[in-house]
Amino acid sequence: MRQRALEYLGKREYSYHELGQKLKTYAEETDDIPALLEDFKTRGWLSDKRFTDQLVHARQVKFGSGKVANELRQKGVADDLISDAIARLKENELSNATEVWRKKFKVPASNRDEWAKQARFLQSRGFGFDIIKKVLNTKAEED
């Protein structure tokens, strides 16, 4: 069990909860997964903080704070780590949303239906409505 956990951590970062879930599928009755995870945490091999930083870094270019926060919650990350990560993510959220919009659409919406389509796209990427309005209204004013 220990070797399998080390192999997983050798490939990428895992949250405490996520690694525990992954190991449960291979566990036998004699395996003590929480003790193993606590040992790894004590040694610094398993860190929810590092996992959160890595996930935010990987997702911030394509997704908004809402989607990233939801993914972190699903992975079992503590709420205080999520709120810290989201605060950092919100600093550049407008520029990230603008870049995501630019890659997909290139031209501002010409009517309400097109505006709604672009807004739904940005919303599906996890951006808040205040950011969506700023991106789409700024683009409309530029033309």
C-alpha atoms as a PDB file:
ATOM      1  CA  MET A   1       0.000   0.000   0.000  1.00  0.00           C
ATOM      2  CA  ARG A   2       2.827   2.395   0.925  1.00  0.00           C
ATOM      3  CA  GLN A   3       4.615   1.769  -2.363  1.00  0.00           C
ATOM      4  CA  ARG A   4       1.450   2.422  -4.381  1.00  0.00           C
ATOM      5  CA  ALA A   5       0.884   5.715  -2.538  1.00  0.00           C
ATOM      6  CA  LEU A   6       4.467   6.796  -3.215  1.00  0.00           C
ATOM      7  CA  GLU A   7       4.033   5.977  -6.909  1.00  0.00           C
ATOM      8  CA  TYR A   8       0.915   8.136  -7.062  1.00  0.00           C
ATOM      9  CA  LEU A   9       2.662  11.031  -5.339  1.00  0.00           C
ATOM     10  CA  GLY A  10       5.646  10.624  -7.643  1.00  0.00           C
ATOM     11  CA  LYS A  11       3.451  11.441 -10.623  1.00  0.00           C
ATOM     12  CA  ARG A  12       1.587  14.487  -9.266  1.00  0.00           C
ATOM     13  CA  GLU A  13       0.280  16.164  -6.128  1.00  0.00           C
ATOM     14  CA  TYR A  14      -2.811  14.736  -4.433  1.00  0.00           C
ATOM     15  CA  SER A  15      -5.001  16.122  -1.692  1.00  0.00           C
ATOM     16  CA  TYR A  16      -5.255  14.113   1.513  1.00  0.00           C
ATOM     17  CA  HIS A  17      -8.848  13.122   0.724  1.00  0.00           C
ATOM     18  CA  GLU A  18      -8.187  12.307  -2.926  1.00  0.00           C
ATOM     19  CA  LEU A  19      -5.220  10.027  -2.180  1.00  0.00           C
ATOM     20  CA  GLY A  20      -7.212   8.303   0.557  1.00  0.00           C
ATOM     21  CA  GLN A  21     -10.061   7.606  -1.880  1.00  0.00           C
ATOM     22  CA  LYS A  22      -7.638   6.319  -4.498  1.00  0.00           C
ATOM     23  CA  LEU A  23      -5.954   3.949  -2.037  1.00  0.00           C
ATOM     24  CA  LYS A  24      -9.262   2.605  -0.702  1.00  0.00           C
ATOM     25  CA  THR A  25      -9.862   0.726  -3.938  1.00  0.00           C
ATOM     26  CA  TYR A  26      -6.689  -1.314  -3.328  1.00  0.00           C
ATOM     27  CA  ALA A  27      -6.867  -1.559   0.464  1.00  0.00           C
ATOM     28  CA  GLU A  28      -7.084  -4.777   2.395  1.00  0.00           C
ATOM     29  CA  GLU A  29      -8.661  -5.134   5.830  1.00  0.00           C
ATOM     30  CA  THR A  30      -5.279  -4.894   7.528  1.00  0.00           C
ATOM     31  CA  ASP A  31      -4.279  -1.627   5.823  1.00  0.00           C
ATOM     32  CA  ASP A  32      -4.519   1.530   7.901  1.00  0.00           C
ATOM     33  CA  ILE A  33      -4.871   4.253   5.264  1.00  0.00           C
ATOM     34  CA  PRO A  34      -5.361   7.211   7.670  1.00  0.00           C
ATOM     35  CA  ALA A  35      -2.160   6.318   9.533  1.00  0.00           C
ATOM     36  CA  LEU A  36      -0.254   6.068   6.250  1.00  0.00           C
ATOM     37  CA  LEU A  37      -1.603   9.421   5.061  1.00  0.00           C
ATOM     38  CA  GLU A  38      -0.741  11.086   8.383  1.00  0.00           C
ATOM     39  CA  ASP A  39       2.809   9.696   8.123  1.00  0.00           C
ATOM     40  CA  PHE A  40       3.151  11.109   4.611  1.00  0.00           C
ATOM     41  CA  LYS A  41       1.758  14.436   5.784  1.00  0.00           C
ATOM     42  CA  THR A  42       4.237  14.561   8.682  1.00  0.00           C
ATOM     43  CA  ARG A  43       7.141  13.833   6.349  1.00  0.00           C
ATOM     44  CA  GLY A  44       5.981  16.564   3.952  1.00  0.00           C
ATOM     45  CA  TRP A  45       5.236  14.203   1.101  1.00  0.00           C
ATOM     46  CA  LEU A  46       1.514  14.952   1.163  1.00  0.00           C
ATOM     47  CA  SER A  47       0.342  18.545   1.405  1.00  0.00           C
ATOM     48  CA  ASP A  48      -3.093  20.001   0.727  1.00  0.00           C
ATOM     49  CA  LYS A  49      -1.473  23.455   0.461  1.00  0.00           C
ATOM     50  CA  ARG A  50       0.902  22.294  -2.275  1.00  0.00           C
ATOM     51  CA  PHE A  51      -1.939  20.465  -4.035  1.00  0.00           C
ATOM     52  CA  THR A  52      -4.103  23.609  -3.925  1.00  0.00           C
ATOM     53  CA  ASP A  53      -1.306  25.794  -5.304  1.00  0.00           C
ATOM     54  CA  GLN A  54      -0.630  23.321  -8.121  1.00  0.00           C
ATOM     55  CA  LEU A  55      -4.285  22.981  -9.080  1.00  0.00           C
ATOM     56  CA  VAL A  56      -4.880  26.747  -9.050  1.00  0.00           C
ATOM     57  CA  HIS A  57      -1.777  27.317 -11.156  1.00  0.00           C
ATOM     58  CA  ALA A  58      -2.912  24.731 -13.707  1.00  0.00           C
ATOM     59  CA  ARG A  59      -6.546  25.890 -13.899  1.00  0.00           C
ATOM     60  CA  GLN A  60      -6.318  29.685 -13.610  1.00  0.00           C
ATOM     61  CA  VAL A  61      -5.660  30.223 -17.306  1.00  0.00           C
ATOM     62  CA  LYS A  62      -8.848  28.470 -18.473  1.00  0.00           C
ATOM     63  CA  PHE A  63     -11.280  28.676 -15.574  1.00  0.00           C
ATOM     64  CA  GLY A  64     -12.785  31.176 -13.154  1.00  0.00           C
ATOM     65  CA  SER A  65     -12.740  31.132  -9.385  1.00  0.00           C
ATOM     66  CA  GLY A  66     -16.142  29.431  -9.122  1.00  0.00           C
ATOM     67  CA  LYS A  67     -15.081  26.366 -11.063  1.00  0.00           C
ATOM     68  CA  VAL A  68     -11.697  26.121  -9.345  1.00  0.00           C
ATOM     69  CA  ALA A  69     -13.312  26.418  -5.893  1.00  0.00           C
ATOM     70  CA  ASN A  70     -15.805  23.704  -6.766  1.00  0.00           C
ATOM     71  CA  GLU A  71     -13.050  21.373  -7.957  1.00  0.00           C
ATOM     72  CA  LEU A  72     -11.048  21.966  -4.773  1.00  0.00           C
ATOM     73  CA  ARG A  73     -14.144  21.178  -2.670  1.00  0.00           C
ATOM     74  CA  GLN A  74     -14.645  17.946  -4.586  1.00  0.00           C
ATOM     75  CA  LYS A  75     -11.032  16.968  -3.879  1.00  0.00           C
ATOM     76  CA  GLY A  76     -11.615  17.432  -0.147  1.00  0.00           C
ATOM     77  CA  VAL A  77      -9.490  20.535   0.408  1.00  0.00           C
ATOM     78  CA  ALA A  78     -10.179  22.544   3.580  1.00  0.00           C
ATOM     79  CA  ASP A  79     -12.294  25.703   3.270  1.00  0.00           C
ATOM     80  CA  ASP A  80      -9.538  28.021   4.555  1.00  0.00           C
ATOM     81  CA  LEU A  81      -7.141  26.831   1.828  1.00  0.00           C
ATOM     82  CA  ILE A  82      -9.879  27.264  -0.780  1.00  0.00           C
ATOM     83  CA  SER A  83     -10.647  30.822   0.321  1.00  0.00           C
ATOM     84  CA  ASP A  84      -6.940  31.765   0.235  1.00  0.00           C
ATOM     85  CA  ALA A  85      -6.557  30.277  -3.239  1.00  0.00           C
ATOM     86  CA  ILE A  86      -9.676  32.005  -4.547  1.00  0.00           C
ATOM     87  CA  ALA A  87      -8.509  35.355  -3.156  1.00  0.00           C
ATOM     88  CA  ARG A  88      -5.270  34.991  -5.129  1.00  0.00           C
ATOM     89  CA  LEU A  89      -7.168  33.823  -8.203  1.00  0.00           C
ATOM     90  CA  LYS A  90      -9.534  36.814  -8.151  1.00  0.00           C
ATOM     91  CA  GLU A  91      -6.599  39.222  -8.528  1.00  0.00           C
ATOM     92  CA  ASN A  92      -6.202  38.264 -12.208  1.00  0.00           C
ATOM     93  CA  GLU A  93      -9.677  36.950 -12.924  1.00  0.00           C
ATOM     94  CA  LEU A  94     -10.724  39.783 -15.230  1.00  0.00           C
ATOM     95  CA  SER A  95      -7.673  39.426 -17.454  1.00  0.00           C
ATOM     96  CA  ASN A  96      -8.033  35.617 -17.465  1.00  0.00           C
ATOM     97  CA  ALA A  97     -11.719  35.886 -18.430  1.00  0.00           C
ATOM     98  CA  THR A  98     -10.856  38.350 -21.187  1.00  0.00           C
ATOM     99  CA  GLU A  99      -8.228  35.984 -22.559  1.00  0.00           C
ATOM    100  CA  VAL A 100     -10.595  32.978 -22.444  1.00  0.00           C
ATOM    101  CA  TRP A 101     -13.250  35.052 -24.225  1.00  0.00           C
ATOM    102  CA  ARG A 102     -10.766  36.269 -26.860  1.00  0.00           C
ATOM    103  CA  LYS A 103      -9.621  32.726 -27.713  1.00  0.00           C
ATOM    104  CA  LYS A 104     -13.187  31.535 -28.244  1.00  0.00           C
ATOM    105  CA  PHE A 105     -15.034  34.470 -29.805  1.00  0.00           C
ATOM    106  CA  LYS A 106     -12.615  37.107 -31.160  1.00  0.00           C
ATOM    107  CA  VAL A 107     -15.456  39.564 -31.973  1.00  0.00           C
ATOM    108  CA  PRO A 108     -17.919  41.255 -29.581  1.00  0.00           C
ATOM    109  CA  ALA A 109     -21.554  40.227 -29.495  1.00  0.00           C
ATOM    110  CA  SER A 110     -23.686  41.979 -32.120  1.00  0.00           C
ATOM    111  CA  ASN A 111     -27.078  41.198 -30.570  1.00  0.00           C
ATOM    112  CA  ARG A 112     -28.685  39.939 -27.356  1.00  0.00           C
ATOM    113  CA  ASP A 113     -28.635  36.280 -28.386  1.00  0.00           C
ATOM    114  CA  GLU A 114     -24.933  36.393 -29.158  1.00  0.00           C
ATOM    115  CA  TRP A 115     -24.254  38.253 -25.886  1.00  0.00           C
ATOM    116  CA  ALA A 116     -26.189  35.571 -23.979  1.00  0.00           C
ATOM    117  CA  LYS A 117     -24.258  32.814 -25.743  1.00  0.00           C
ATOM    118  CA  GLN A 118     -20.929  34.390 -24.819  1.00  0.00           C
ATOM    119  CA  ALA A 119     -22.100  34.958 -21.246  1.00  0.00           C
ATOM    120  CA  ARG A 120     -23.162  31.314 -20.902  1.00  0.00           C
ATOM    121  CA  PHE A 121     -19.774  30.193 -22.183  1.00  0.00           C
ATOM    122  CA  LEU A 122     -17.911  32.295 -19.615  1.00  0.00           C
ATOM    123  CA  GLN A 123     -20.310  31.180 -16.891  1.00  0.00           C
ATOM    124  CA  SER A 124     -19.655  27.527 -17.755  1.00  0.00           C
ATOM    125  CA  ARG A 125     -15.964  28.245 -17.274  1.00  0.00           C
ATOM    126  CA  GLY A 126     -16.638  29.365 -13.702  1.00  0.00           C
ATOM    127  CA  PHE A 127     -16.507  33.140 -14.036  1.00  0.00           C
ATOM    128  CA  GLY A 128     -18.894  35.233 -11.955  1.00  0.00           C
ATOM    129  CA  PHE A 129     -21.556  37.397 -13.551  1.00  0.00           C
ATOM    130  CA  ASP A 130     -19.814  40.643 -12.517  1.00  0.00           C
ATOM    131  CA  ILE A 131     -16.678  39.570 -14.415  1.00  0.00           C
ATOM    132  CA  ILE A 132     -18.751  38.380 -17.387  1.00  0.00           C
ATOM    133  CA  LYS A 133     -20.524  41.748 -17.634  1.00  0.00           C
ATOM    134  CA  LYS A 134     -17.213  43.619 -17.494  1.00  0.00           C
ATOM    135  CA  VAL A 135     -15.670  41.464 -20.229  1.00  0.00           C
ATOM    136  CA  LEU A 136     -18.635  41.518 -22.605  1.00  0.00           C
ATOM    137  CA  ASN A 137     -19.594  45.166 -22.086  1.00  0.00           C
ATOM    138  CA  THR A 138     -15.982  46.307 -22.468  1.00  0.00           C
ATOM    139  CA  LYS A 139     -15.686  44.409 -25.730  1.00  0.00           C
ATOM    140  CA  ALA A 140     -18.959  45.879 -27.008  1.00  0.00           C
ATOM    141  CA  GLU A 141     -17.787  49.416 -26.201  1.00  0.00           C
ATOM    142  CA  GLU A 142     -14.468  48.923 -28.017  1.00  0.00           C
ATOM    143  CA  ASP A 143     -16.245  48.491 -31.351  1.00  0.00           C
END
